[in-house]
Amino acid sequence: MTTSNVSRRAFIAGAAVAVSALAVGITPRQARAAGEALPHLSDKDPMAKALHYSDNATAVSKAQNPTYKPGDRCSKCRFFQGKPNEASGFAGCQIYPGYSVSAKGWCASYNARA
């Protein structure tokens, strides 16, 4: 293998890593900044229905959602892109790209922040 082939491969591999890192770094910031501008997720949305999304966590039925625990809400979830433990408002969510979810909401994909 020649030196130019190794350099070309190293450049392509490095460029791919840089582009991936840039894409990952930009997406969450854009979603947070645009949280209010994104349309609010409706509980009638097919994905929201499938994951039992509710914009009011206190209205979630424990019988229908055995993983729900009182006190769980979107603002405490690792997928919520707003401020952690935000009391109200809307922000982007990694589970529902293109929509904002209520800080007071809940869905079956809830995963507590570490």
N, C-alpha and C. Protein backbone atom coordinates (compact mmCIF):
# COMPACT_ATOMS: atom_id res chain seq x y z
N MET A 1 0.84 -1.17 0.00
CA MET A 1 0.00 0.00 0.00
C MET A 1 0.89 1.24 0.00
N THR A 2 0.52 2.21 -0.79
CA THR A 2 1.33 3.42 -0.87
C THR A 2 0.93 4.41 0.21
N THR A 3 1.81 5.34 0.45
CA THR A 3 1.55 6.35 1.47
C THR A 3 0.34 7.20 1.11
N SER A 4 0.14 7.51 -0.17
CA SER A 4 -0.99 8.34 -0.57
C SER A 4 -2.32 7.63 -0.33
N ASN A 5 -2.36 6.29 -0.49
CA ASN A 5 -3.59 5.55 -0.22
C ASN A 5 -3.93 5.57 1.27
N VAL A 6 -2.92 5.42 2.11
CA VAL A 6 -3.13 5.45 3.55
C VAL A 6 -3.62 6.83 3.95
N SER A 7 -3.01 7.87 3.44
CA SER A 7 -3.41 9.23 3.78
C SER A 7 -4.84 9.51 3.32
N ARG A 8 -5.18 9.05 2.12
CA ARG A 8 -6.53 9.26 1.61
C ARG A 8 -7.55 8.55 2.50
N ARG A 9 -7.25 7.32 2.88
CA ARG A 9 -8.17 6.57 3.74
C ARG A 9 -8.29 7.23 5.12
N ALA A 10 -7.18 7.68 5.65
CA ALA A 10 -7.20 8.36 6.95
C ALA A 10 -8.03 9.63 6.87
N PHE A 11 -7.87 10.38 5.77
CA PHE A 11 -8.64 11.60 5.61
C PHE A 11 -10.14 11.30 5.52
N ILE A 12 -10.52 10.31 4.73
CA ILE A 12 -11.94 9.96 4.57
C ILE A 12 -12.52 9.48 5.90
N ALA A 13 -11.79 8.65 6.62
CA ALA A 13 -12.27 8.17 7.92
C ALA A 13 -12.41 9.33 8.90
N GLY A 14 -11.43 10.21 8.93
CA GLY A 14 -11.49 11.37 9.83
C GLY A 14 -12.62 12.31 9.46
N ALA A 15 -12.83 12.51 8.17
CA ALA A 15 -13.92 13.39 7.72
C ALA A 15 -15.27 12.80 8.10
N ALA A 16 -15.42 11.49 7.97
CA ALA A 16 -16.69 10.85 8.34
C ALA A 16 -16.97 11.01 9.83
N VAL A 17 -15.96 10.85 10.65
CA VAL A 17 -16.13 11.03 12.10
C VAL A 17 -16.48 12.48 12.41
N ALA A 18 -15.80 13.43 11.77
CA ALA A 18 -16.06 14.85 12.02
C ALA A 18 -17.49 15.23 11.62
N VAL A 19 -17.93 14.76 10.47
CA VAL A 19 -19.29 15.07 10.01
C VAL A 19 -20.32 14.46 10.96
N SER A 20 -20.09 13.24 11.40
CA SER A 20 -21.01 12.59 12.34
C SER A 20 -21.08 13.36 13.66
N ALA A 21 -19.93 13.76 14.17
CA ALA A 21 -19.89 14.51 15.43
C ALA A 21 -20.59 15.85 15.27
N LEU A 22 -20.40 16.50 14.14
CA LEU A 22 -21.05 17.77 13.89
C LEU A 22 -22.56 17.60 13.84
N ALA A 23 -23.03 16.58 13.16
CA ALA A 23 -24.48 16.33 13.06
C ALA A 23 -25.07 16.04 14.43
N VAL A 24 -24.42 15.25 15.23
CA VAL A 24 -24.92 14.92 16.57
C VAL A 24 -24.88 16.15 17.46
N GLY A 25 -23.88 16.97 17.33
CA GLY A 25 -23.76 18.16 18.15
C GLY A 25 -24.77 19.24 17.81
N ILE A 26 -25.16 19.34 16.56
CA ILE A 26 -26.09 20.38 16.15
C ILE A 26 -27.53 20.00 16.43
N THR A 27 -27.91 18.78 16.20
CA THR A 27 -29.31 18.38 16.31
C THR A 27 -29.94 18.68 17.66
N PRO A 28 -29.37 18.29 18.79
CA PRO A 28 -30.02 18.58 20.07
C PRO A 28 -30.17 20.08 20.33
N ARG A 29 -29.17 20.88 19.98
CA ARG A 29 -29.26 22.31 20.20
C ARG A 29 -30.38 22.92 19.37
N GLN A 30 -30.49 22.50 18.13
CA GLN A 30 -31.54 23.03 17.27
C GLN A 30 -32.91 22.64 17.80
N ALA A 31 -33.04 21.42 18.27
CA ALA A 31 -34.33 20.96 18.80
C ALA A 31 -34.70 21.73 20.05
N ARG A 32 -33.74 21.99 20.93
CA ARG A 32 -34.03 22.76 22.14
C ARG A 32 -34.45 24.18 21.78
N ALA A 33 -33.71 24.81 20.88
CA ALA A 33 -34.00 26.19 20.51
C ALA A 33 -35.34 26.30 19.80
N ALA A 34 -35.71 25.28 19.06
CA ALA A 34 -36.94 25.32 18.27
C ALA A 34 -38.12 24.67 18.99
N GLY A 35 -37.95 24.25 20.24
CA GLY A 35 -39.00 23.53 20.96
C GLY A 35 -40.36 24.19 20.90
N GLU A 36 -40.41 25.48 21.12
CA GLU A 36 -41.68 26.19 21.08
C GLU A 36 -42.17 26.34 19.64
N ALA A 37 -41.26 26.42 18.68
CA ALA A 37 -41.65 26.61 17.28
C ALA A 37 -42.17 25.31 16.65
N LEU A 38 -41.78 24.17 17.20
CA LEU A 38 -42.25 22.90 16.67
C LEU A 38 -43.73 22.71 16.99
N PRO A 39 -44.48 22.02 16.12
CA PRO A 39 -45.87 21.75 16.46
C PRO A 39 -45.95 20.83 17.68
N HIS A 40 -46.94 21.07 18.51
CA HIS A 40 -47.11 20.26 19.71
C HIS A 40 -47.64 18.88 19.31
N LEU A 41 -47.10 17.86 19.94
CA LEU A 41 -47.52 16.49 19.66
C LEU A 41 -48.95 16.28 20.16
N SER A 42 -49.77 15.70 19.32
CA SER A 42 -51.15 15.40 19.68
C SER A 42 -51.24 13.95 20.13
N ASP A 43 -52.08 13.69 21.11
CA ASP A 43 -52.26 12.31 21.55
C ASP A 43 -53.00 11.48 20.50
N LYS A 44 -53.43 12.12 19.43
CA LYS A 44 -54.09 11.41 18.32
C LYS A 44 -53.09 10.94 17.26
N ASP A 45 -51.86 11.42 17.35
CA ASP A 45 -50.79 11.01 16.43
C ASP A 45 -50.56 9.51 16.58
N PRO A 46 -50.41 8.77 15.46
CA PRO A 46 -50.23 7.31 15.55
C PRO A 46 -49.07 6.87 16.45
N MET A 47 -47.94 7.56 16.36
CA MET A 47 -46.79 7.20 17.21
C MET A 47 -47.11 7.49 18.67
N ALA A 48 -47.77 8.63 18.92
CA ALA A 48 -48.14 8.99 20.29
C ALA A 48 -49.11 7.96 20.86
N LYS A 49 -50.07 7.53 20.05
CA LYS A 49 -51.02 6.50 20.50
C LYS A 49 -50.30 5.20 20.84
N ALA A 50 -49.37 4.82 19.97
CA ALA A 50 -48.65 3.56 20.17
C ALA A 50 -47.84 3.57 21.47
N LEU A 51 -47.34 4.75 21.84
CA LEU A 51 -46.52 4.86 23.05
C LEU A 51 -47.29 5.46 24.22
N HIS A 52 -48.61 5.54 24.10
CA HIS A 52 -49.50 6.01 25.18
C HIS A 52 -49.12 7.40 25.68
N TYR A 53 -48.74 8.30 24.74
CA TYR A 53 -48.38 9.66 25.13
C TYR A 53 -49.59 10.40 25.69
N SER A 54 -49.35 11.12 26.75
CA SER A 54 -50.34 12.03 27.33
C SER A 54 -49.63 13.32 27.67
N ASP A 55 -50.24 14.46 27.36
CA ASP A 55 -49.59 15.72 27.69
C ASP A 55 -49.79 16.11 29.15
N ASN A 56 -50.46 15.22 29.90
CA ASN A 56 -50.66 15.43 31.34
C ASN A 56 -50.37 14.10 32.05
N ALA A 57 -49.19 13.99 32.62
CA ALA A 57 -48.77 12.74 33.25
C ALA A 57 -49.68 12.32 34.41
N THR A 58 -50.31 13.28 35.07
CA THR A 58 -51.18 12.92 36.20
C THR A 58 -52.44 12.20 35.74
N ALA A 59 -52.74 12.27 34.44
CA ALA A 59 -53.93 11.60 33.90
C ALA A 59 -53.62 10.20 33.36
N VAL A 60 -52.37 9.76 33.45
CA VAL A 60 -51.97 8.45 32.93
C VAL A 60 -52.55 7.35 33.81
N SER A 61 -53.11 6.34 33.16
CA SER A 61 -53.69 5.21 33.88
C SER A 61 -52.61 4.19 34.21
N LYS A 62 -52.39 3.96 35.49
CA LYS A 62 -51.40 2.97 35.93
C LYS A 62 -51.80 1.56 35.47
N ALA A 63 -53.11 1.30 35.38
CA ALA A 63 -53.59 -0.01 34.94
C ALA A 63 -53.21 -0.28 33.47
N GLN A 64 -53.30 0.75 32.63
CA GLN A 64 -52.96 0.60 31.22
C GLN A 64 -51.46 0.76 30.96
N ASN A 65 -50.76 1.40 31.87
CA ASN A 65 -49.33 1.69 31.71
C ASN A 65 -48.59 1.28 32.97
N PRO A 66 -48.30 -0.01 33.14
CA PRO A 66 -47.69 -0.49 34.38
C PRO A 66 -46.30 0.09 34.67
N THR A 67 -45.62 0.64 33.66
CA THR A 67 -44.30 1.21 33.91
C THR A 67 -44.38 2.64 34.45
N TYR A 68 -45.56 3.24 34.42
CA TYR A 68 -45.72 4.61 34.92
C TYR A 68 -45.62 4.64 36.44
N LYS A 69 -44.87 5.62 36.94
CA LYS A 69 -44.77 5.84 38.38
C LYS A 69 -45.16 7.29 38.64
N PRO A 70 -45.97 7.54 39.66
CA PRO A 70 -46.32 8.93 39.98
C PRO A 70 -45.06 9.79 40.10
N GLY A 71 -45.12 10.95 39.50
CA GLY A 71 -43.96 11.85 39.50
C GLY A 71 -43.16 11.80 38.22
N ASP A 72 -43.30 10.72 37.43
CA ASP A 72 -42.62 10.65 36.14
C ASP A 72 -43.27 11.67 35.21
N ARG A 73 -42.45 12.37 34.44
CA ARG A 73 -42.96 13.29 33.42
C ARG A 73 -41.85 13.57 32.41
N CYS A 74 -42.24 14.07 31.28
CA CYS A 74 -41.30 14.28 30.18
C CYS A 74 -40.06 15.08 30.59
N SER A 75 -40.23 16.11 31.40
CA SER A 75 -39.08 16.95 31.75
C SER A 75 -38.05 16.22 32.60
N LYS A 76 -38.39 15.04 33.10
CA LYS A 76 -37.43 14.23 33.86
C LYS A 76 -36.85 13.09 33.01
N CYS A 77 -37.25 13.05 31.72
CA CYS A 77 -36.84 11.96 30.82
C CYS A 77 -35.56 12.34 30.07
N ARG A 78 -34.72 11.36 29.80
CA ARG A 78 -33.47 11.61 29.09
C ARG A 78 -33.68 12.02 27.64
N PHE A 79 -34.85 11.74 27.06
CA PHE A 79 -35.12 12.08 25.67
C PHE A 79 -35.66 13.50 25.50
N PHE A 80 -36.10 14.12 26.59
CA PHE A 80 -36.64 15.49 26.57
C PHE A 80 -35.49 16.45 26.32
N GLN A 81 -35.66 17.38 25.39
CA GLN A 81 -34.57 18.26 25.01
C GLN A 81 -34.69 19.67 25.60
N GLY A 82 -35.58 19.84 26.54
CA GLY A 82 -35.69 21.12 27.24
C GLY A 82 -34.84 21.08 28.50
N LYS A 83 -35.10 22.00 29.40
CA LYS A 83 -34.35 22.05 30.65
C LYS A 83 -34.80 20.89 31.54
N PRO A 84 -33.87 20.19 32.17
CA PRO A 84 -34.25 19.11 33.08
C PRO A 84 -35.16 19.62 34.19
N ASN A 85 -36.17 18.85 34.51
CA ASN A 85 -37.15 19.17 35.56
C ASN A 85 -37.92 20.46 35.33
N GLU A 86 -38.02 20.87 34.07
CA GLU A 86 -38.81 22.05 33.72
C GLU A 86 -40.25 21.84 34.19
N ALA A 87 -40.85 22.84 34.79
CA ALA A 87 -42.18 22.70 35.36
C ALA A 87 -43.28 22.76 34.31
N SER A 88 -43.08 23.54 33.26
CA SER A 88 -44.11 23.65 32.23
C SER A 88 -43.46 24.03 30.91
N GLY A 89 -44.26 24.08 29.88
CA GLY A 89 -43.75 24.44 28.56
C GLY A 89 -43.59 23.23 27.67
N PHE A 90 -43.05 23.47 26.50
CA PHE A 90 -42.86 22.43 25.51
C PHE A 90 -41.42 22.47 25.01
N ALA A 91 -40.91 21.31 24.62
CA ALA A 91 -39.57 21.22 24.06
C ALA A 91 -39.52 20.01 23.15
N GLY A 92 -38.47 19.92 22.35
CA GLY A 92 -38.30 18.79 21.46
C GLY A 92 -38.09 17.49 22.22
N CYS A 93 -38.30 16.39 21.53
CA CYS A 93 -38.12 15.05 22.12
C CYS A 93 -37.47 14.16 21.07
N GLN A 94 -36.48 13.39 21.49
CA GLN A 94 -35.79 12.50 20.57
C GLN A 94 -36.70 11.37 20.07
N ILE A 95 -37.72 11.02 20.82
CA ILE A 95 -38.64 9.95 20.42
C ILE A 95 -39.60 10.44 19.34
N TYR A 96 -39.97 11.71 19.40
CA TYR A 96 -40.94 12.29 18.46
C TYR A 96 -40.28 13.42 17.67
N PRO A 97 -39.40 13.11 16.72
CA PRO A 97 -38.73 14.17 15.96
C PRO A 97 -39.74 15.01 15.18
N GLY A 98 -39.51 16.31 15.19
CA GLY A 98 -40.40 17.21 14.46
C GLY A 98 -41.56 17.72 15.29
N TYR A 99 -41.66 17.27 16.53
CA TYR A 99 -42.73 17.69 17.42
C TYR A 99 -42.14 18.14 18.75
N SER A 100 -42.90 18.96 19.46
CA SER A 100 -42.52 19.29 20.82
C SER A 100 -43.51 18.59 21.75
N VAL A 101 -43.03 18.22 22.91
CA VAL A 101 -43.87 17.53 23.90
C VAL A 101 -43.99 18.40 25.14
N SER A 102 -45.04 18.17 25.89
CA SER A 102 -45.26 18.92 27.12
C SER A 102 -44.29 18.47 28.20
N ALA A 103 -43.73 19.42 28.93
CA ALA A 103 -42.86 19.09 30.06
C ALA A 103 -43.61 18.28 31.10
N LYS A 104 -44.94 18.45 31.15
CA LYS A 104 -45.78 17.74 32.11
C LYS A 104 -46.29 16.41 31.56
N GLY A 105 -45.90 16.05 30.34
CA GLY A 105 -46.40 14.84 29.69
C GLY A 105 -45.69 13.57 30.12
N TRP A 106 -46.11 12.46 29.50
CA TRP A 106 -45.50 11.15 29.77
C TRP A 106 -45.80 10.23 28.60
N CYS A 107 -44.90 9.29 28.31
CA CYS A 107 -45.17 8.22 27.33
C CYS A 107 -44.43 6.95 27.79
N ALA A 108 -44.76 5.86 27.14
CA ALA A 108 -44.19 4.56 27.52
C ALA A 108 -42.69 4.47 27.28
N SER A 109 -42.12 5.41 26.54
CA SER A 109 -40.67 5.42 26.31
C SER A 109 -39.92 6.17 27.41
N TYR A 110 -40.64 6.58 28.46
CA TYR A 110 -40.01 7.33 29.54
C TYR A 110 -38.78 6.60 30.06
N ASN A 111 -37.68 7.34 30.19
CA ASN A 111 -36.44 6.80 30.71
C ASN A 111 -35.81 7.90 31.54
N ALA A 112 -35.77 7.73 32.84
CA ALA A 112 -35.29 8.77 33.75
C ALA A 112 -33.87 9.22 33.41
N ARG A 113 -33.64 10.51 33.56
CA ARG A 113 -32.29 11.05 33.36
C ARG A 113 -31.37 10.48 34.43
N ALA A 114 -30.13 10.31 34.05
CA ALA A 114 -29.14 9.78 35.01
C ALA A 114 -28.70 10.83 35.98
